[in-house]
Amino acid sequence: MDCIRPFAPYLLALVFALIMALFQVPELLGAHPFWALKVIWLGLPVGLVAAFLTGFLGLSKTLRIALFTVATLSAFYVATQGKTVFVNSYAENGLAGRFWYFGWIGTMAAVSGLIAVLIRK
């Protein structure tokens, strides 16, 4: 059982991602229905690696929580603004569409990292 303990925060973040996928949380918050589940699975490994690396670098838990919280809010803002501009351009502004898509990937990555940091002792 002790061999699983170091991986527990990452496994719980995976469970949280599964719950988000089950309840389609990104779609409910404004992600495009076509790729709402895809952004979870693209962002999850990025966030978990970021959480591991920030811990490996010895950053304090408070600083890590602050970094991932700011990253989550920033990425969500980018995704929301990208969606607004994309929709207002009648789907002609491809750059805004990319901001919408990659903003959601960033949001899911930051949320995954934040969950892993919050659960870790």
C-alpha atoms as a PDB file:
ATOM      1  CA  MET A   1       0.000   0.000   0.000  1.00  0.00           C
ATOM      2  CA  ASP A   2       2.931   2.325   0.621  1.00  0.00           C
ATOM      3  CA  CYS A   3       3.965   2.055  -3.016  1.00  0.00           C
ATOM      4  CA  ILE A   4       0.663   3.632  -4.111  1.00  0.00           C
ATOM      5  CA  ARG A   5       0.791   6.532  -1.648  1.00  0.00           C
ATOM      6  CA  PRO A   6       3.106   8.817  -3.717  1.00  0.00           C
ATOM      7  CA  PHE A   7       0.781   8.457  -6.698  1.00  0.00           C
ATOM      8  CA  ALA A   8      -2.469   9.021  -4.782  1.00  0.00           C
ATOM      9  CA  PRO A   9      -2.858  12.730  -5.681  1.00  0.00           C
ATOM     10  CA  TYR A  10      -2.384  11.954  -9.358  1.00  0.00           C
ATOM     11  CA  LEU A  11      -4.798   9.036  -9.259  1.00  0.00           C
ATOM     12  CA  LEU A  12      -7.400  11.167  -7.490  1.00  0.00           C
ATOM     13  CA  ALA A  13      -6.946  13.876 -10.124  1.00  0.00           C
ATOM     14  CA  LEU A  14      -7.622  11.173 -12.723  1.00  0.00           C
ATOM     15  CA  VAL A  15     -10.795  10.172 -10.874  1.00  0.00           C
ATOM     16  CA  PHE A  16     -11.840  13.834 -10.783  1.00  0.00           C
ATOM     17  CA  ALA A  17     -11.238  14.035 -14.549  1.00  0.00           C
ATOM     18  CA  LEU A  18     -13.423  10.971 -15.050  1.00  0.00           C
ATOM     19  CA  ILE A  19     -16.180  12.619 -13.020  1.00  0.00           C
ATOM     20  CA  MET A  20     -15.844  15.811 -15.089  1.00  0.00           C
ATOM     21  CA  ALA A  21     -16.104  13.736 -18.244  1.00  0.00           C
ATOM     22  CA  LEU A  22     -19.102  11.817 -16.948  1.00  0.00           C
ATOM     23  CA  PHE A  23     -21.025  14.972 -16.103  1.00  0.00           C
ATOM     24  CA  GLN A  24     -19.708  16.859 -19.171  1.00  0.00           C
ATOM     25  CA  VAL A  25     -18.486  19.774 -17.084  1.00  0.00           C
ATOM     26  CA  PRO A  26     -16.497  21.551 -19.837  1.00  0.00           C
ATOM     27  CA  GLU A  27     -19.529  21.551 -22.125  1.00  0.00           C
ATOM     28  CA  LEU A  28     -21.708  22.922 -19.345  1.00  0.00           C
ATOM     29  CA  LEU A  29     -19.179  25.722 -18.785  1.00  0.00           C
ATOM     30  CA  GLY A  30     -18.942  26.692 -22.453  1.00  0.00           C
ATOM     31  CA  ALA A  31     -16.672  24.299 -24.309  1.00  0.00           C
ATOM     32  CA  HIS A  32     -17.754  23.217 -27.766  1.00  0.00           C
ATOM     33  CA  PRO A  33     -19.710  19.933 -27.569  1.00  0.00           C
ATOM     34  CA  PHE A  34     -17.547  18.365 -30.299  1.00  0.00           C
ATOM     35  CA  TRP A  35     -14.333  18.536 -28.251  1.00  0.00           C
ATOM     36  CA  ALA A  36     -15.570  19.051 -24.678  1.00  0.00           C
ATOM     37  CA  LEU A  37     -14.350  15.611 -23.581  1.00  0.00           C
ATOM     38  CA  LYS A  38     -11.182  15.753 -25.633  1.00  0.00           C
ATOM     39  CA  VAL A  39      -9.863  18.806 -23.761  1.00  0.00           C
ATOM     40  CA  ILE A  40     -10.057  16.906 -20.468  1.00  0.00           C
ATOM     41  CA  TRP A  41      -7.832  14.102 -21.713  1.00  0.00           C
ATOM     42  CA  LEU A  42      -5.403  16.490 -23.398  1.00  0.00           C
ATOM     43  CA  GLY A  43      -5.112  18.751 -20.356  1.00  0.00           C
ATOM     44  CA  LEU A  44      -4.930  16.061 -17.674  1.00  0.00           C
ATOM     45  CA  PRO A  45      -1.413  14.740 -18.366  1.00  0.00           C
ATOM     46  CA  VAL A  46      -0.042  18.255 -18.841  1.00  0.00           C
ATOM     47  CA  GLY A  47      -1.453  19.349 -15.491  1.00  0.00           C
ATOM     48  CA  LEU A  48      -0.205  16.271 -13.663  1.00  0.00           C
ATOM     49  CA  VAL A  49       3.292  16.671 -15.075  1.00  0.00           C
ATOM     50  CA  ALA A  50       3.249  20.357 -14.101  1.00  0.00           C
ATOM     51  CA  ALA A  51       2.141  19.475 -10.570  1.00  0.00           C
ATOM     52  CA  PHE A  52       4.907  16.904 -10.289  1.00  0.00           C
ATOM     53  CA  LEU A  53       7.568  19.269 -11.628  1.00  0.00           C
ATOM     54  CA  THR A  54       6.577  22.158  -9.365  1.00  0.00           C
ATOM     55  CA  GLY A  55       6.789  19.797  -6.402  1.00  0.00           C
ATOM     56  CA  PHE A  56      10.090  18.391  -7.627  1.00  0.00           C
ATOM     57  CA  LEU A  57      11.490  21.921  -7.873  1.00  0.00           C
ATOM     58  CA  GLY A  58      10.682  22.444  -4.211  1.00  0.00           C
ATOM     59  CA  LEU A  59       8.107  25.196  -4.530  1.00  0.00           C
ATOM     60  CA  SER A  60       5.998  25.666  -1.432  1.00  0.00           C
ATOM     61  CA  LYS A  61       2.471  24.307  -1.426  1.00  0.00           C
ATOM     62  CA  THR A  62       1.027  27.809  -1.027  1.00  0.00           C
ATOM     63  CA  LEU A  63       2.929  29.085  -4.056  1.00  0.00           C
ATOM     64  CA  ARG A  64       1.907  26.043  -6.103  1.00  0.00           C
ATOM     65  CA  ILE A  65      -1.754  26.535  -5.203  1.00  0.00           C
ATOM     66  CA  ALA A  66      -1.501  30.210  -6.132  1.00  0.00           C
ATOM     67  CA  LEU A  67       0.195  29.412  -9.462  1.00  0.00           C
ATOM     68  CA  PHE A  68      -2.351  26.793 -10.469  1.00  0.00           C
ATOM     69  CA  THR A  69      -5.255  28.980  -9.368  1.00  0.00           C
ATOM     70  CA  VAL A  70      -4.013  31.910 -11.445  1.00  0.00           C
ATOM     71  CA  ALA A  71      -3.366  29.556 -14.366  1.00  0.00           C
ATOM     72  CA  THR A  72      -6.894  28.139 -14.099  1.00  0.00           C
ATOM     73  CA  LEU A  73      -8.534  31.562 -14.025  1.00  0.00           C
ATOM     74  CA  SER A  74      -6.332  32.895 -16.834  1.00  0.00           C
ATOM     75  CA  ALA A  75      -6.924  29.925 -19.113  1.00  0.00           C
ATOM     76  CA  PHE A  76     -10.667  30.026 -18.467  1.00  0.00           C
ATOM     77  CA  TYR A  77     -10.691  33.741 -19.313  1.00  0.00           C
ATOM     78  CA  VAL A  78      -8.818  33.056 -22.563  1.00  0.00           C
ATOM     79  CA  ALA A  79     -11.264  30.285 -23.464  1.00  0.00           C
ATOM     80  CA  THR A  80     -14.290  32.450 -22.684  1.00  0.00           C
ATOM     81  CA  GLN A  81     -13.006  35.416 -24.656  1.00  0.00           C
ATOM     82  CA  GLY A  82     -12.014  33.168 -27.555  1.00  0.00           C
ATOM     83  CA  LYS A  83     -15.506  31.732 -27.643  1.00  0.00           C
ATOM     84  CA  THR A  84     -17.109  35.181 -27.547  1.00  0.00           C
ATOM     85  CA  VAL A  85     -14.997  36.543 -30.396  1.00  0.00           C
ATOM     86  CA  PHE A  86     -15.395  33.346 -32.423  1.00  0.00           C
ATOM     87  CA  VAL A  87     -19.180  33.343 -32.094  1.00  0.00           C
ATOM     88  CA  ASN A  88     -19.464  37.064 -32.805  1.00  0.00           C
ATOM     89  CA  SER A  89     -17.445  36.603 -36.003  1.00  0.00           C
ATOM     90  CA  TYR A  90     -19.927  33.967 -37.212  1.00  0.00           C
ATOM     91  CA  ALA A  91     -17.185  31.311 -37.014  1.00  0.00           C
ATOM     92  CA  GLU A  92     -14.854  33.161 -39.376  1.00  0.00           C
ATOM     93  CA  ASN A  93     -12.156  34.137 -36.882  1.00  0.00           C
ATOM     94  CA  GLY A  94     -10.006  31.013 -36.771  1.00  0.00           C
ATOM     95  CA  LEU A  95      -7.559  32.497 -34.282  1.00  0.00           C
ATOM     96  CA  ALA A  96     -10.347  33.107 -31.779  1.00  0.00           C
ATOM     97  CA  GLY A  97     -11.466  29.515 -32.272  1.00  0.00           C
ATOM     98  CA  ARG A  98      -7.962  28.322 -31.435  1.00  0.00           C
ATOM     99  CA  PHE A  99      -7.921  30.489 -28.317  1.00  0.00           C
ATOM    100  CA  TRP A 100     -11.236  28.936 -27.331  1.00  0.00           C
ATOM    101  CA  TYR A 101      -9.918  25.394 -27.869  1.00  0.00           C
ATOM    102  CA  PHE A 102      -6.454  25.782 -26.358  1.00  0.00           C
ATOM    103  CA  GLY A 103      -7.869  27.887 -23.524  1.00  0.00           C
ATOM    104  CA  TRP A 104      -9.977  24.915 -22.542  1.00  0.00           C
ATOM    105  CA  ILE A 105      -7.006  22.572 -22.713  1.00  0.00           C
ATOM    106  CA  GLY A 106      -5.108  24.990 -20.469  1.00  0.00           C
ATOM    107  CA  THR A 107      -8.044  25.213 -18.096  1.00  0.00           C
ATOM    108  CA  MET A 108      -8.234  21.452 -17.735  1.00  0.00           C
ATOM    109  CA  ALA A 109      -4.456  21.210 -17.301  1.00  0.00           C
ATOM    110  CA  ALA A 110      -4.446  23.860 -14.578  1.00  0.00           C
ATOM    111  CA  VAL A 111      -7.444  22.325 -12.802  1.00  0.00           C
ATOM    112  CA  SER A 112      -5.786  18.892 -12.852  1.00  0.00           C
ATOM    113  CA  GLY A 113      -2.575  20.328 -11.447  1.00  0.00           C
ATOM    114  CA  LEU A 114      -4.472  22.264  -8.793  1.00  0.00           C
ATOM    115  CA  ILE A 115      -6.330  19.147  -7.672  1.00  0.00           C
ATOM    116  CA  ALA A 116      -3.079  17.170  -7.446  1.00  0.00           C
ATOM    117  CA  VAL A 117      -1.441  19.932  -5.400  1.00  0.00           C
ATOM    118  CA  LEU A 118      -4.419  20.324  -3.069  1.00  0.00           C
ATOM    119  CA  ILE A 119      -4.589  16.596  -2.338  1.00  0.00           C
ATOM    120  CA  ARG A 120      -0.858  16.159  -1.815  1.00  0.00           C
ATOM    121  CA  LYS A 121       0.357  16.447   1.766  1.00  0.00           C
END
